[in-house]
């Protein structure tokens, strides 16, 4: 067997460490985007339902949609490759790719909370008023 030289081993080790650091940084960024999106989603529901402010509620809704786009890396609307675009299963379920990628650094429960938060808060406000 051919053994790697010491410098090659060090380069591979540094590359693996850099990848792990990049993944950790992406996880922290997505976590911040999650909290911002949760704030905007809940704020949007409160503005519409409780305060009756459609303009401010619309601004909060745009912030929530922006957070979803950032959180899912923009894969909601466009396939990332031509092969996905020509695959009919992608058009039937465009969320499958996002759900596969959410396992990296995020959780499915976190994604569901981000997507469902405005409606859940709206239902809660509806019951309380």
Protein backbone atom coordinates (compact mmCIF):
# COMPACT_ATOMS: atom_id res chain seq x y z
CA UNK A 1 0.00 0.00 0.00
CA UNK A 2 1.09 3.49 -0.78
CA UNK A 3 1.34 5.70 2.29
CA UNK A 4 0.63 9.40 2.10
CA UNK A 5 3.40 11.83 2.84
CA UNK A 6 3.23 13.84 6.03
CA UNK A 7 2.38 17.08 4.19
CA UNK A 8 -0.42 15.36 2.27
CA UNK A 9 -1.89 14.05 5.54
CA UNK A 10 -1.71 17.53 7.06
CA UNK A 11 -3.42 19.05 4.01
CA UNK A 12 -6.24 16.51 4.18
CA UNK A 13 -6.61 17.10 7.91
CA UNK A 14 -6.76 20.89 7.41
CA UNK A 15 -9.34 20.46 4.66
CA UNK A 16 -11.54 18.29 6.88
CA UNK A 17 -11.28 20.79 9.71
CA UNK A 18 -12.16 23.65 7.33
CA UNK A 19 -15.23 21.73 6.11
CA UNK A 20 -16.43 21.10 9.64
CA UNK A 21 -15.92 24.75 10.54
CA UNK A 22 -17.89 25.81 7.44
CA UNK A 23 -20.73 23.45 8.39
CA UNK A 24 -20.78 24.82 11.94
CA UNK A 25 -20.85 28.39 10.61
CA UNK A 26 -23.73 27.52 8.26
CA UNK A 27 -25.64 25.91 11.15
CA UNK A 28 -25.23 29.04 13.27
CA UNK A 29 -26.36 31.24 10.38
CA UNK A 30 -29.42 29.08 9.71
CA UNK A 31 -30.29 29.12 13.41
CA UNK A 32 -30.23 32.94 13.38
CA UNK A 33 -32.34 33.00 10.22
CA UNK A 34 -34.77 30.60 11.92
CA UNK A 35 -35.25 32.92 14.91
CA UNK A 36 -35.61 35.99 12.71
CA UNK A 37 -38.13 34.15 10.52
CA UNK A 38 -40.04 32.98 13.57
CA UNK A 39 -40.17 36.57 14.84
CA UNK A 40 -41.42 37.90 11.51
CA UNK A 41 -43.93 35.07 11.07
CA UNK A 42 -45.43 35.52 14.52
CA UNK A 43 -45.31 39.30 14.17
CA UNK A 44 -47.15 39.09 10.86
CA UNK A 45 -49.97 37.08 12.41
CA UNK A 46 -50.24 39.44 15.38
CA UNK A 47 -50.25 42.52 13.15
CA UNK A 48 -53.02 41.17 10.96
CA UNK A 49 -55.19 39.49 13.59
CA UNK A 50 -54.76 41.50 16.79
CA UNK A 51 -53.70 45.00 15.75
CA UNK A 52 -55.44 45.05 12.37
CA UNK A 53 -52.48 46.71 10.68
CA UNK A 54 -52.30 45.36 7.12
CA UNK A 55 -49.32 47.44 5.96
CA UNK A 56 -47.10 46.50 8.90
CA UNK A 57 -48.37 42.92 8.70
CA UNK A 58 -47.43 42.81 5.03
CA UNK A 59 -43.92 44.05 5.83
CA UNK A 60 -43.60 41.32 8.47
CA UNK A 61 -44.86 38.77 5.94
CA UNK A 62 -42.20 39.83 3.43
CA UNK A 63 -39.57 39.40 6.15
CA UNK A 64 -40.93 35.94 6.94
CA UNK A 65 -40.86 34.91 3.27
CA UNK A 66 -37.32 36.24 2.95
CA UNK A 67 -36.26 34.17 5.97
CA UNK A 68 -37.79 31.07 4.40
CA UNK A 69 -35.89 31.70 1.16
CA UNK A 70 -32.63 32.11 3.04
CA UNK A 71 -33.32 29.14 5.34
CA UNK A 72 -33.98 26.80 2.43
CA UNK A 73 -31.12 28.26 0.35
CA UNK A 74 -33.56 29.37 -2.33
CA UNK A 75 -34.43 25.81 -3.40
CA UNK A 76 -38.14 26.43 -2.94
CA UNK A 77 -38.84 27.87 -6.36
CA UNK A 78 -36.16 26.61 -8.72
CA UNK A 79 -34.54 23.23 -9.19
CA UNK A 80 -30.80 23.33 -8.75
CA UNK A 81 -30.04 21.32 -11.92
CA UNK A 82 -31.47 20.76 -15.36
CA UNK A 83 -31.99 17.09 -14.50
CA UNK A 84 -34.33 18.06 -11.67
CA UNK A 85 -36.19 20.42 -13.97
CA UNK A 86 -36.83 17.64 -16.48
CA UNK A 87 -37.80 15.18 -13.74
CA UNK A 88 -41.60 15.21 -13.21
CA UNK A 89 -41.24 14.01 -9.62
CA UNK A 90 -39.52 17.30 -8.70
CA UNK A 91 -42.52 19.27 -9.97
CA UNK A 92 -44.91 17.01 -8.07
CA UNK A 93 -42.95 17.40 -4.84
CA UNK A 94 -40.44 20.28 -4.98
CA UNK A 95 -40.01 20.05 -1.19
CA UNK A 96 -38.28 16.65 -1.31
CA UNK A 97 -34.87 18.16 -2.08
CA UNK A 98 -35.23 20.76 0.66
CA UNK A 99 -36.27 18.14 3.19
CA UNK A 100 -33.25 16.01 2.31
CA UNK A 101 -30.92 18.98 2.78
CA UNK A 102 -32.54 20.14 6.01
CA UNK A 103 -30.86 17.26 7.79
CA UNK A 104 -27.57 19.10 7.49
CA UNK A 105 -27.40 21.35 10.49
CA UNK A 106 -31.11 21.86 10.94
CA UNK A 107 -34.04 19.80 12.03
CA UNK A 108 -37.34 19.01 10.39
CA UNK A 109 -39.16 20.27 13.50
CA UNK A 110 -37.36 23.61 13.17
CA UNK A 111 -38.38 23.91 9.52
CA UNK A 112 -41.99 23.02 10.27
CA UNK A 113 -42.06 25.58 13.09
CA UNK A 114 -40.75 28.24 10.71
CA UNK A 115 -43.32 27.41 8.02
CA UNK A 116 -46.30 26.96 10.34
CA UNK A 117 -45.67 29.69 12.92
CA UNK A 118 -47.84 32.41 11.33
CA UNK A 119 -50.88 30.17 11.03
CA UNK A 120 -50.48 28.74 14.52
CA UNK A 121 -50.17 32.20 16.07
CA UNK A 122 -53.12 33.39 13.99
CA UNK A 123 -55.23 30.47 15.27
CA UNK A 124 -54.14 31.21 18.82
CA UNK A 125 -55.05 34.89 18.43
CA UNK A 126 -58.38 33.91 16.94
CA UNK A 127 -59.20 31.72 19.94
CA UNK A 128 -58.08 34.37 22.44
CA UNK A 129 -60.04 37.26 20.91
